Amino acid sequence: MKILLLACFLTVLVETALFALFGYRSKDDLTIVACANIVTNLTLNLLLAFVFPYDAHFWVLPLEVTVVLAEYLIYAKAFGASKMLFLQTLAANVLSFVLGVILPVFGW
């Protein structure tokens, strides 16, 4: 369970920081990004750990796509829909996913 919370913390940290770099710097903006990430990250990781523990590798990509879409819909409602916002959402998720894959290789 500790690893799930650490993964969530790192995801929130990385994606919120990236959205701040993208210009979403108000307290409300960053709160929306952080909360969306907490919900989607914990949902994804709990599903992989407890619902699909034996075939998680098969479900990672479809669930990650669902996370990108869910986060984009949240952000579109809060910030206004745009192609750029979708690309920012996708970029943030790709970055946090890649970090989540490579950090354990280095013992994190």
C-alpha atoms as a PDB file:
ATOM      1  CA  MET A   1       0.000   0.000   0.000  1.00  0.00           C
ATOM      2  CA  LYS A   2       2.914   2.337   0.737  1.00  0.00           C
ATOM      3  CA  ILE A   3       4.126   1.989  -2.858  1.00  0.00           C
ATOM      4  CA  LEU A   4       0.689   3.060  -4.154  1.00  0.00           C
ATOM      5  CA  LEU A   5       0.783   6.201  -2.036  1.00  0.00           C
ATOM      6  CA  LEU A   6       4.337   6.966  -3.151  1.00  0.00           C
ATOM      7  CA  ALA A   7       3.340   6.519  -6.804  1.00  0.00           C
ATOM      8  CA  CYS A   8       0.395   8.856  -6.252  1.00  0.00           C
ATOM      9  CA  PHE A   9       2.549  11.457  -4.518  1.00  0.00           C
ATOM     10  CA  LEU A  10       5.155  11.415  -7.303  1.00  0.00           C
ATOM     11  CA  THR A  11       2.475  11.612 -10.004  1.00  0.00           C
ATOM     12  CA  VAL A  12       0.812  14.586  -8.329  1.00  0.00           C
ATOM     13  CA  LEU A  13       4.177  16.284  -7.857  1.00  0.00           C
ATOM     14  CA  VAL A  14       5.332  15.771 -11.455  1.00  0.00           C
ATOM     15  CA  GLU A  15       2.059  16.547 -13.208  1.00  0.00           C
ATOM     16  CA  THR A  16       1.191  19.553 -11.047  1.00  0.00           C
ATOM     17  CA  ALA A  17       4.679  20.989 -11.547  1.00  0.00           C
ATOM     18  CA  LEU A  18       4.408  20.474 -15.299  1.00  0.00           C
ATOM     19  CA  PHE A  19       1.015  22.189 -15.410  1.00  0.00           C
ATOM     20  CA  ALA A  20       2.537  25.087 -13.458  1.00  0.00           C
ATOM     21  CA  LEU A  21       5.212  25.306 -16.166  1.00  0.00           C
ATOM     22  CA  PHE A  22       2.423  25.300 -18.756  1.00  0.00           C
ATOM     23  CA  GLY A  23       1.027  28.442 -17.086  1.00  0.00           C
ATOM     24  CA  TYR A  24      -1.620  27.060 -14.740  1.00  0.00           C
ATOM     25  CA  ARG A  25      -0.244  28.763 -11.646  1.00  0.00           C
ATOM     26  CA  SER A  26      -3.198  29.901  -9.579  1.00  0.00           C
ATOM     27  CA  LYS A  27      -3.984  28.078  -6.376  1.00  0.00           C
ATOM     28  CA  ASP A  28      -7.329  26.957  -7.827  1.00  0.00           C
ATOM     29  CA  ASP A  29      -5.746  25.689 -11.057  1.00  0.00           C
ATOM     30  CA  LEU A  30      -3.101  23.660  -9.241  1.00  0.00           C
ATOM     31  CA  THR A  31      -5.652  22.310  -6.772  1.00  0.00           C
ATOM     32  CA  ILE A  32      -7.770  21.043  -9.667  1.00  0.00           C
ATOM     33  CA  VAL A  33      -4.759  19.372 -11.279  1.00  0.00           C
ATOM     34  CA  ALA A  34      -3.619  17.809  -7.994  1.00  0.00           C
ATOM     35  CA  CYS A  35      -7.089  16.517  -7.085  1.00  0.00           C
ATOM     36  CA  ALA A  36      -7.689  15.099 -10.567  1.00  0.00           C
ATOM     37  CA  ASN A  37      -4.368  13.284 -10.352  1.00  0.00           C
ATOM     38  CA  ILE A  38      -5.035  11.896  -6.893  1.00  0.00           C
ATOM     39  CA  VAL A  39      -8.357  10.434  -8.009  1.00  0.00           C
ATOM     40  CA  THR A  40      -7.160   9.039 -11.332  1.00  0.00           C
ATOM     41  CA  ASN A  41      -3.831   7.715 -10.051  1.00  0.00           C
ATOM     42  CA  LEU A  42      -5.274   5.936  -7.042  1.00  0.00           C
ATOM     43  CA  THR A  43      -8.115   4.506  -9.130  1.00  0.00           C
ATOM     44  CA  LEU A  44      -5.734   3.219 -11.792  1.00  0.00           C
ATOM     45  CA  ASN A  45      -3.254   1.703  -9.354  1.00  0.00           C
ATOM     46  CA  LEU A  46      -5.914   0.143  -7.143  1.00  0.00           C
ATOM     47  CA  LEU A  47      -7.531  -1.436 -10.207  1.00  0.00           C
ATOM     48  CA  LEU A  48      -4.184  -2.803 -11.367  1.00  0.00           C
ATOM     49  CA  ALA A  49      -3.298  -4.103  -7.910  1.00  0.00           C
ATOM     50  CA  PHE A  50      -6.602  -5.601  -6.826  1.00  0.00           C
ATOM     51  CA  VAL A  51      -8.872  -6.105  -9.832  1.00  0.00           C
ATOM     52  CA  PHE A  52      -6.312  -7.067 -12.484  1.00  0.00           C
ATOM     53  CA  PRO A  53      -3.314  -8.324 -10.475  1.00  0.00           C
ATOM     54  CA  TYR A  54      -2.484 -11.248 -12.788  1.00  0.00           C
ATOM     55  CA  ASP A  55      -2.891  -9.492 -16.124  1.00  0.00           C
ATOM     56  CA  ALA A  56      -2.048  -5.913 -15.179  1.00  0.00           C
ATOM     57  CA  HIS A  57       0.336  -5.633 -18.127  1.00  0.00           C
ATOM     58  CA  PHE A  58      -2.654  -6.082 -20.461  1.00  0.00           C
ATOM     59  CA  TRP A  59      -4.700  -3.383 -18.719  1.00  0.00           C
ATOM     60  CA  VAL A  60      -2.050  -0.676 -18.233  1.00  0.00           C
ATOM     61  CA  LEU A  61      -2.433   0.942 -21.656  1.00  0.00           C
ATOM     62  CA  PRO A  62      -6.257   0.995 -21.787  1.00  0.00           C
ATOM     63  CA  LEU A  63      -6.411   2.321 -18.234  1.00  0.00           C
ATOM     64  CA  GLU A  64      -3.764   4.975 -18.931  1.00  0.00           C
ATOM     65  CA  VAL A  65      -5.739   6.114 -21.982  1.00  0.00           C
ATOM     66  CA  THR A  66      -8.827   6.325 -19.778  1.00  0.00           C
ATOM     67  CA  VAL A  67      -6.873   8.394 -17.240  1.00  0.00           C
ATOM     68  CA  VAL A  68      -5.748  10.851 -19.938  1.00  0.00           C
ATOM     69  CA  LEU A  69      -9.322  11.229 -21.167  1.00  0.00           C
ATOM     70  CA  ALA A  70     -10.748  11.591 -17.654  1.00  0.00           C
ATOM     71  CA  GLU A  71      -8.182  14.204 -16.680  1.00  0.00           C
ATOM     72  CA  TYR A  72      -8.682  16.082 -19.930  1.00  0.00           C
ATOM     73  CA  LEU A  73     -12.444  16.198 -19.359  1.00  0.00           C
ATOM     74  CA  ILE A  74     -11.889  17.571 -15.853  1.00  0.00           C
ATOM     75  CA  TYR A  75      -9.418  20.161 -17.102  1.00  0.00           C
ATOM     76  CA  ALA A  76     -11.598  21.080 -20.101  1.00  0.00           C
ATOM     77  CA  LYS A  77     -14.495  21.788 -17.755  1.00  0.00           C
ATOM     78  CA  ALA A  78     -12.280  23.886 -15.480  1.00  0.00           C
ATOM     79  CA  PHE A  79      -9.998  25.630 -17.994  1.00  0.00           C
ATOM     80  CA  GLY A  80     -11.839  25.415 -21.319  1.00  0.00           C
ATOM     81  CA  ALA A  81     -11.450  22.702 -23.922  1.00  0.00           C
ATOM     82  CA  SER A  82      -8.642  23.016 -26.452  1.00  0.00           C
ATOM     83  CA  LYS A  83      -6.263  20.887 -28.465  1.00  0.00           C
ATOM     84  CA  MET A  84      -3.359  22.421 -26.529  1.00  0.00           C
ATOM     85  CA  LEU A  85      -4.912  21.425 -23.204  1.00  0.00           C
ATOM     86  CA  PHE A  86      -5.335  17.861 -24.465  1.00  0.00           C
ATOM     87  CA  LEU A  87      -1.680  17.761 -25.559  1.00  0.00           C
ATOM     88  CA  GLN A  88      -0.593  19.161 -22.187  1.00  0.00           C
ATOM     89  CA  THR A  89      -2.642  16.509 -20.396  1.00  0.00           C
ATOM     90  CA  LEU A  90      -1.152  13.800 -22.590  1.00  0.00           C
ATOM     91  CA  ALA A  91       2.394  15.121 -22.067  1.00  0.00           C
ATOM     92  CA  ALA A  92       1.986  15.244 -18.291  1.00  0.00           C
ATOM     93  CA  ASN A  93       0.716  11.673 -18.217  1.00  0.00           C
ATOM     94  CA  VAL A  94       3.430  10.371 -20.524  1.00  0.00           C
ATOM     95  CA  LEU A  95       6.091  12.037 -18.365  1.00  0.00           C
ATOM     96  CA  SER A  96       4.737  10.629 -15.104  1.00  0.00           C
ATOM     97  CA  PHE A  97       4.281   7.173 -16.670  1.00  0.00           C
ATOM     98  CA  VAL A  98       7.836   7.110 -18.033  1.00  0.00           C
ATOM     99  CA  LEU A  99       9.221   8.251 -14.688  1.00  0.00           C
ATOM    100  CA  GLY A 100       7.171   5.550 -12.982  1.00  0.00           C
ATOM    101  CA  VAL A 101       8.759   2.970 -15.264  1.00  0.00           C
ATOM    102  CA  ILE A 102      12.372   4.146 -15.069  1.00  0.00           C
ATOM    103  CA  LEU A 103      12.689   5.283 -11.424  1.00  0.00           C
ATOM    104  CA  PRO A 104      12.479   1.704 -10.052  1.00  0.00           C
ATOM    105  CA  VAL A 105      15.344   0.766 -12.386  1.00  0.00           C
ATOM    106  CA  PHE A 106      17.514   3.207 -10.443  1.00  0.00           C
ATOM    107  CA  GLY A 107      16.316   1.924  -7.077  1.00  0.00           C
ATOM    108  CA  TRP A 108      13.671   4.565  -6.373  1.00  0.00           C
END
